[in-house]
Amino acid sequence: MIGWHPTNGKILFRSSREAHSRFTRLYLIAPDGSGLEAVPLHEAGWGSFSQDGARIAYTRVAIEDRTWKR
């Protein structure tokens, strides 16, 4: 879990379920497990929605992946 959407109450999480290689994408899901939807970004590691839910700030790679080569 990374966060939540401020207007629809869905949980924001990261997964590699539809991503290629070691990259991940962001998804939204209702707390009861219904309504899974992908956030329309090619790849993302972390993200946070604006208070009105209209914009998202995100990083392409998760911080903890920076040591994968060591």
PDB file of N, CA and C in Angstrom:
ATOM      1  N   MET A   1       0.838  -1.177   0.000  1.00  0.00           N
ATOM      2  CA  MET A   1       0.000   0.000   0.000  1.00  0.00           C
ATOM      3  C   MET A   1       0.881   1.238   0.000  1.00  0.00           C
ATOM      4  N   ILE A   2       0.535   2.158  -0.869  1.00  0.00           N
ATOM      5  CA  ILE A   2       1.297   3.396  -0.972  1.00  0.00           C
ATOM      6  C   ILE A   2       0.505   4.573  -0.408  1.00  0.00           C
ATOM      7  N   GLY A   3      -0.802   4.541  -0.596  1.00  0.00           N
ATOM      8  CA  GLY A   3      -1.635   5.659  -0.156  1.00  0.00           C
ATOM      9  C   GLY A   3      -3.080   5.407  -0.522  1.00  0.00           C
ATOM     10  N   TRP A   4      -3.819   6.481  -0.793  1.00  0.00           N
ATOM     11  CA  TRP A   4      -5.227   6.367  -1.145  1.00  0.00           C
ATOM     12  C   TRP A   4      -5.625   7.511  -2.052  1.00  0.00           C
ATOM     13  N   HIS A   5      -6.752   7.326  -2.723  1.00  0.00           N
ATOM     14  CA  HIS A   5      -7.307   8.377  -3.563  1.00  0.00           C
ATOM     15  C   HIS A   5      -8.197   9.236  -2.670  1.00  0.00           C
ATOM     16  N   PRO A   6      -7.997  10.538  -2.650  1.00  0.00           N
ATOM     17  CA  PRO A   6      -8.700  11.387  -1.693  1.00  0.00           C
ATOM     18  C   PRO A   6     -10.196  11.558  -1.929  1.00  0.00           C
ATOM     19  N   THR A   7     -10.680  11.337  -3.142  1.00  0.00           N
ATOM     20  CA  THR A   7     -12.106  11.574  -3.387  1.00  0.00           C
ATOM     21  C   THR A   7     -12.937  10.302  -3.496  1.00  0.00           C
ATOM     22  N   ASN A   8     -12.356   9.194  -3.936  1.00  0.00           N
ATOM     23  CA  ASN A   8     -13.170   7.977  -4.051  1.00  0.00           C
ATOM     24  C   ASN A   8     -12.828   6.941  -2.989  1.00  0.00           C
ATOM     25  N   GLY A   9     -11.842   7.205  -2.130  1.00  0.00           N
ATOM     26  CA  GLY A   9     -11.518   6.325  -1.016  1.00  0.00           C
ATOM     27  C   GLY A   9     -10.827   5.024  -1.391  1.00  0.00           C
ATOM     28  N   LYS A  10     -10.357   4.902  -2.632  1.00  0.00           N
ATOM     29  CA  LYS A  10      -9.684   3.673  -3.044  1.00  0.00           C
ATOM     30  C   LYS A  10      -8.233   3.666  -2.562  1.00  0.00           C
ATOM     31  N   ILE A  11      -7.719   2.475  -2.331  1.00  0.00           N
ATOM     32  CA  ILE A  11      -6.347   2.272  -1.878  1.00  0.00           C
ATOM     33  C   ILE A  11      -5.418   2.293  -3.089  1.00  0.00           C
ATOM     34  N   LEU A  12      -4.307   2.999  -2.969  1.00  0.00           N
ATOM     35  CA  LEU A  12      -3.290   3.055  -4.014  1.00  0.00           C
ATOM     36  C   LEU A  12      -2.184   2.070  -3.642  1.00  0.00           C
ATOM     37  N   PHE A  13      -1.869   1.129  -4.548  1.00  0.00           N
ATOM     38  CA  PHE A  13      -0.800   0.173  -4.275  1.00  0.00           C
ATOM     39  C   PHE A  13       0.051  -0.055  -5.512  1.00  0.00           C
ATOM     40  N   ARG A  14       1.220  -0.648  -5.293  1.00  0.00           N
ATOM     41  CA  ARG A  14       2.181  -0.905  -6.362  1.00  0.00           C
ATOM     42  C   ARG A  14       2.267  -2.413  -6.594  1.00  0.00           C
ATOM     43  N   SER A  15       2.363  -2.806  -7.883  1.00  0.00           N
ATOM     44  CA  SER A  15       2.483  -4.220  -8.227  1.00  0.00           C
ATOM     45  C   SER A  15       3.208  -4.367  -9.557  1.00  0.00           C
ATOM     46  N   SER A  16       3.805  -5.521  -9.764  1.00  0.00           N
ATOM     47  CA  SER A  16       4.458  -5.816 -11.045  1.00  0.00           C
ATOM     48  C   SER A  16       3.608  -6.761 -11.881  1.00  0.00           C
ATOM     49  N   ARG A  17       2.326  -6.907 -11.574  1.00  0.00           N
ATOM     50  CA  ARG A  17       1.448  -7.866 -12.240  1.00  0.00           C
ATOM     51  C   ARG A  17       1.330  -7.655 -13.743  1.00  0.00           C
ATOM     52  N   GLU A  18       1.363  -6.444 -14.248  1.00  0.00           N
ATOM     53  CA  GLU A  18       1.255  -6.190 -15.692  1.00  0.00           C
ATOM     54  C   GLU A  18       2.475  -5.459 -16.236  1.00  0.00           C
ATOM     55  N   ALA A  19       3.505  -5.341 -15.441  1.00  0.00           N
ATOM     56  CA  ALA A  19       4.698  -4.608 -15.856  1.00  0.00           C
ATOM     57  C   ALA A  19       5.741  -5.572 -16.417  1.00  0.00           C
ATOM     58  N   HIS A  20       6.659  -5.034 -17.171  1.00  0.00           N
ATOM     59  CA  HIS A  20       7.722  -5.866 -17.709  1.00  0.00           C
ATOM     60  C   HIS A  20       8.974  -5.765 -16.847  1.00  0.00           C
ATOM     61  N   SER A  21       9.787  -6.806 -16.874  1.00  0.00           N
ATOM     62  CA  SER A  21      11.074  -6.842 -16.178  1.00  0.00           C
ATOM     63  C   SER A  21      10.893  -6.570 -14.690  1.00  0.00           C
ATOM     64  N   ARG A  22      11.680  -5.675 -14.111  1.00  0.00           N
ATOM     65  CA  ARG A  22      11.635  -5.400 -12.670  1.00  0.00           C
ATOM     66  C   ARG A  22      10.822  -4.159 -12.337  1.00  0.00           C
ATOM     67  N   PHE A  23      10.135  -3.601 -13.305  1.00  0.00           N
ATOM     68  CA  PHE A  23       9.387  -2.369 -13.084  1.00  0.00           C
ATOM     69  C   PHE A  23       7.995  -2.652 -12.524  1.00  0.00           C
ATOM     70  N   THR A  24       7.397  -1.640 -11.911  1.00  0.00           N
ATOM     71  CA  THR A  24       6.078  -1.793 -11.309  1.00  0.00           C
ATOM     72  C   THR A  24       5.128  -0.712 -11.824  1.00  0.00           C
ATOM     73  N   ARG A  25       3.843  -0.927 -11.567  1.00  0.00           N
ATOM     74  CA  ARG A  25       2.797   0.034 -11.915  1.00  0.00           C
ATOM     75  C   ARG A  25       1.958   0.299 -10.678  1.00  0.00           C
ATOM     76  N   LEU A  26       1.156   1.373 -10.736  1.00  0.00           N
ATOM     77  CA  LEU A  26       0.261   1.720  -9.635  1.00  0.00           C
ATOM     78  C   LEU A  26      -1.161   1.303  -9.969  1.00  0.00           C
ATOM     79  N   TYR A  27      -1.883   0.889  -8.936  1.00  0.00           N
ATOM     80  CA  TYR A  27      -3.265   0.448  -9.075  1.00  0.00           C
ATOM     81  C   TYR A  27      -4.109   1.043  -7.961  1.00  0.00           C
ATOM     82  N   LEU A  28      -5.415   1.133  -8.221  1.00  0.00           N
ATOM     83  CA  LEU A  28      -6.388   1.547  -7.219  1.00  0.00           C
ATOM     84  C   LEU A  28      -7.359   0.393  -6.995  1.00  0.00           C
ATOM     85  N   ILE A  29      -7.747   0.181  -5.747  1.00  0.00           N
ATOM     86  CA  ILE A  29      -8.709  -0.867  -5.421  1.00  0.00           C
ATOM     87  C   ILE A  29      -9.538  -0.418  -4.216  1.00  0.00           C
ATOM     88  N   ALA A  30     -10.797  -0.795  -4.185  1.00  0.00           N
ATOM     89  CA  ALA A  30     -11.668  -0.461  -3.052  1.00  0.00           C
ATOM     90  C   ALA A  30     -11.237  -1.271  -1.828  1.00  0.00           C
ATOM     91  N   PRO A  31     -11.479  -0.774  -0.620  1.00  0.00           N
ATOM     92  CA  PRO A  31     -11.096  -1.502   0.598  1.00  0.00           C
ATOM     93  C   PRO A  31     -11.702  -2.903   0.699  1.00  0.00           C
ATOM     94  N   ASP A  32     -12.833  -3.141   0.049  1.00  0.00           N
ATOM     95  CA  ASP A  32     -13.436  -4.479   0.092  1.00  0.00           C
ATOM     96  C   ASP A  32     -12.877  -5.412  -0.985  1.00  0.00           C
ATOM     97  N   GLY A  33     -11.894  -4.949  -1.776  1.00  0.00           N
ATOM     98  CA  GLY A  33     -11.256  -5.783  -2.792  1.00  0.00           C
ATOM     99  C   GLY A  33     -11.890  -5.709  -4.169  1.00  0.00           C
ATOM    100  N   SER A  34     -12.886  -4.891  -4.346  1.00  0.00           N
ATOM    101  CA  SER A  34     -13.547  -4.777  -5.648  1.00  0.00           C
ATOM    102  C   SER A  34     -13.036  -3.559  -6.408  1.00  0.00           C
ATOM    103  N   GLY A  35     -13.343  -3.506  -7.677  1.00  0.00           N
ATOM    104  CA  GLY A  35     -13.061  -2.327  -8.482  1.00  0.00           C
ATOM    105  C   GLY A  35     -11.597  -2.060  -8.762  1.00  0.00           C
ATOM    106  N   LEU A  36     -10.815  -3.090  -9.049  1.00  0.00           N
ATOM    107  CA  LEU A  36      -9.402  -2.900  -9.372  1.00  0.00           C
ATOM    108  C   LEU A  36      -9.261  -2.110 -10.662  1.00  0.00           C
ATOM    109  N   GLU A  37      -8.418  -1.082 -10.639  1.00  0.00           N
ATOM    110  CA  GLU A  37      -8.132  -0.308 -11.846  1.00  0.00           C
ATOM    111  C   GLU A  37      -6.677   0.132 -11.858  1.00  0.00           C
ATOM    112  N   ALA A  38      -6.067   0.072 -13.024  1.00  0.00           N
ATOM    113  CA  ALA A  38      -4.677   0.510 -13.178  1.00  0.00           C
ATOM    114  C   ALA A  38      -4.640   2.021 -13.335  1.00  0.00           C
ATOM    115  N   VAL A  39      -3.691   2.659 -12.678  1.00  0.00           N
ATOM    116  CA  VAL A  39      -3.455   4.086 -12.875  1.00  0.00           C
ATOM    117  C   VAL A  39      -2.755   4.216 -14.234  1.00  0.00           C
ATOM    118  N   PRO A  40      -3.213   5.086 -15.115  1.00  0.00           N
ATOM    119  CA  PRO A  40      -2.676   5.136 -16.484  1.00  0.00           C
ATOM    120  C   PRO A  40      -1.262   5.732 -16.589  1.00  0.00           C
ATOM    121  N   LEU A  41      -0.302   5.013 -16.023  1.00  0.00           N
ATOM    122  CA  LEU A  41       1.107   5.369 -16.111  1.00  0.00           C
ATOM    123  C   LEU A  41       1.858   4.128 -16.592  1.00  0.00           C
ATOM    124  N   HIS A  42       2.834   4.298 -17.447  1.00  0.00           N
ATOM    125  CA  HIS A  42       3.588   3.169 -17.988  1.00  0.00           C
ATOM    126  C   HIS A  42       4.325   2.406 -16.899  1.00  0.00           C
ATOM    127  N   GLU A  43       4.996   3.127 -16.011  1.00  0.00           N
ATOM    128  CA  GLU A  43       5.678   2.516 -14.871  1.00  0.00           C
ATOM    129  C   GLU A  43       5.737   3.533 -13.746  1.00  0.00           C
ATOM    130  N   ALA A  44       5.660   3.047 -12.522  1.00  0.00           N
ATOM    131  CA  ALA A  44       5.695   3.938 -11.363  1.00  0.00           C
ATOM    132  C   ALA A  44       6.091   3.149 -10.127  1.00  0.00           C
ATOM    133  N   GLY A  45       6.855   3.781  -9.250  1.00  0.00           N
ATOM    134  CA  GLY A  45       7.277   3.154  -8.013  1.00  0.00           C
ATOM    135  C   GLY A  45       6.528   3.684  -6.801  1.00  0.00           C
ATOM    136  N   TRP A  46       6.335   4.986  -6.752  1.00  0.00           N
ATOM    137  CA  TRP A  46       5.612   5.647  -5.665  1.00  0.00           C
ATOM    138  C   TRP A  46       4.699   6.709  -6.267  1.00  0.00           C
ATOM    139  N   GLY A  47       3.636   7.051  -5.560  1.00  0.00           N
ATOM    140  CA  GLY A  47       2.744   8.088  -6.051  1.00  0.00           C
ATOM    141  C   GLY A  47       1.882   8.668  -4.952  1.00  0.00           C
ATOM    142  N   SER A  48       1.401   9.870  -5.202  1.00  0.00           N
ATOM    143  CA  SER A  48       0.527  10.547  -4.257  1.00  0.00           C
ATOM    144  C   SER A  48      -0.403  11.468  -5.044  1.00  0.00           C
ATOM    145  N   PHE A  49      -1.697  11.376  -4.770  1.00  0.00           N
ATOM    146  CA  PHE A  49      -2.683  12.199  -5.455  1.00  0.00           C
ATOM    147  C   PHE A  49      -2.801  13.574  -4.803  1.00  0.00           C
ATOM    148  N   SER A  50      -3.170  14.570  -5.608  1.00  0.00           N
ATOM    149  CA  SER A  50      -3.475  15.898  -5.073  1.00  0.00           C
ATOM    150  C   SER A  50      -4.756  15.806  -4.242  1.00  0.00           C
ATOM    151  N   GLN A  51      -5.048  16.818  -3.466  1.00  0.00           N
ATOM    152  CA  GLN A  51      -6.217  16.778  -2.590  1.00  0.00           C
ATOM    153  C   GLN A  51      -7.531  16.630  -3.331  1.00  0.00           C
ATOM    154  N   ASP A  52      -7.603  17.143  -4.563  1.00  0.00           N
ATOM    155  CA  ASP A  52      -8.835  16.991  -5.334  1.00  0.00           C
ATOM    156  C   ASP A  52      -8.845  15.716  -6.180  1.00  0.00           C
ATOM    157  N   GLY A  53      -7.747  14.947  -6.167  1.00  0.00           N
ATOM    158  CA  GLY A  53      -7.668  13.694  -6.900  1.00  0.00           C
ATOM    159  C   GLY A  53      -7.459  13.840  -8.393  1.00  0.00           C
ATOM    160  N   ALA A  54      -7.244  15.047  -8.869  1.00  0.00           N
ATOM    161  CA  ALA A  54      -7.124  15.288 -10.307  1.00  0.00           C
ATOM    162  C   ALA A  54      -5.706  15.080 -10.839  1.00  0.00           C
ATOM    163  N   ARG A  55      -4.713  15.177  -9.971  1.00  0.00           N
ATOM    164  CA  ARG A  55      -3.313  15.054 -10.397  1.00  0.00           C
ATOM    165  C   ARG A  55      -2.593  14.053  -9.502  1.00  0.00           C
ATOM    166  N   ILE A  56      -1.507  13.508 -10.031  1.00  0.00           N
ATOM    167  CA  ILE A  56      -0.689  12.597  -9.248  1.00  0.00           C
ATOM    168  C   ILE A  56       0.787  12.961  -9.416  1.00  0.00           C
ATOM    169  N   ALA A  57       1.507  12.958  -8.298  1.00  0.00           N
ATOM    170  CA  ALA A  57       2.962  13.102  -8.328  1.00  0.00           C
ATOM    171  C   ALA A  57       3.514  11.697  -8.143  1.00  0.00           C
ATOM    172  N   TYR A  58       4.481  11.313  -8.968  1.00  0.00           N
ATOM    173  CA  TYR A  58       4.988   9.949  -8.876  1.00  0.00           C
ATOM    174  C   TYR A  58       6.457   9.876  -9.270  1.00  0.00           C
ATOM    175  N   THR A  59       7.093   8.792  -8.849  1.00  0.00           N
ATOM    176  CA  THR A  59       8.447   8.469  -9.288  1.00  0.00           C
ATOM    177  C   THR A  59       8.351   7.226 -10.160  1.00  0.00           C
ATOM    178  N   ARG A  60       9.217   7.131 -11.127  1.00  0.00           N
ATOM    179  CA  ARG A  60       9.169   5.977 -12.033  1.00  0.00           C
ATOM    180  C   ARG A  60       9.713   4.710 -11.400  1.00  0.00           C
ATOM    181  N   VAL A  61      10.708   4.833 -10.540  1.00  0.00           N
ATOM    182  CA  VAL A  61      11.346   3.672  -9.924  1.00  0.00           C
ATOM    183  C   VAL A  61      11.233   3.801  -8.413  1.00  0.00           C
ATOM    184  N   ALA A  62      10.923   2.682  -7.746  1.00  0.00           N
ATOM    185  CA  ALA A  62      10.839   2.686  -6.290  1.00  0.00           C
ATOM    186  C   ALA A  62      12.234   2.860  -5.690  1.00  0.00           C
ATOM    187  N   ILE A  63      12.325   3.578  -4.623  1.00  0.00           N
ATOM    188  CA  ILE A  63      13.611   3.873  -3.983  1.00  0.00           C
ATOM    189  C   ILE A  63      14.330   2.599  -3.555  1.00  0.00           C
ATOM    190  N   GLU A  64      13.611   1.619  -3.013  1.00  0.00           N
ATOM    191  CA  GLU A  64      14.276   0.417  -2.516  1.00  0.00           C
ATOM    192  C   GLU A  64      14.867  -0.435  -3.636  1.00  0.00           C
ATOM    193  N   ASP A  65      14.552  -0.151  -4.893  1.00  0.00           N
ATOM    194  CA  ASP A  65      15.120  -0.903  -6.008  1.00  0.00           C
ATOM    195  C   ASP A  65      16.502  -0.400  -6.412  1.00  0.00           C
ATOM    196  N   ARG A  66      16.982   0.651  -5.785  1.00  0.00           N
ATOM    197  CA  ARG A  66      18.251   1.227  -6.223  1.00  0.00           C
ATOM    198  C   ARG A  66      19.445   0.324  -5.943  1.00  0.00           C
ATOM    199  N   THR A  67      19.316  -0.650  -5.042  1.00  0.00           N
ATOM    200  CA  THR A  67      20.438  -1.537  -4.720  1.00  0.00           C
ATOM    201  C   THR A  67      20.301  -2.907  -5.369  1.00  0.00           C
ATOM    202  N   TRP A  68      19.452  -3.072  -6.340  1.00  0.00           N
ATOM    203  CA  TRP A  68      19.229  -4.385  -6.960  1.00  0.00           C
ATOM    204  C   TRP A  68      20.492  -4.946  -7.592  1.00  0.00           C
ATOM    205  N   LYS A  69      21.404  -4.102  -7.992  1.00  0.00           N
ATOM    206  CA  LYS A  69      22.604  -4.579  -8.684  1.00  0.00           C
ATOM    207  C   LYS A  69      23.728  -4.976  -7.727  1.00  0.00           C
ATOM    208  N   ARG A  70      23.552  -4.740  -6.451  1.00  0.00           N
ATOM    209  CA  ARG A  70      24.637  -5.048  -5.504  1.00  0.00           C
ATOM    210  C   ARG A  70      24.412  -6.373  -4.856  1.00  0.00           C
TER     211      ARG A  70
END
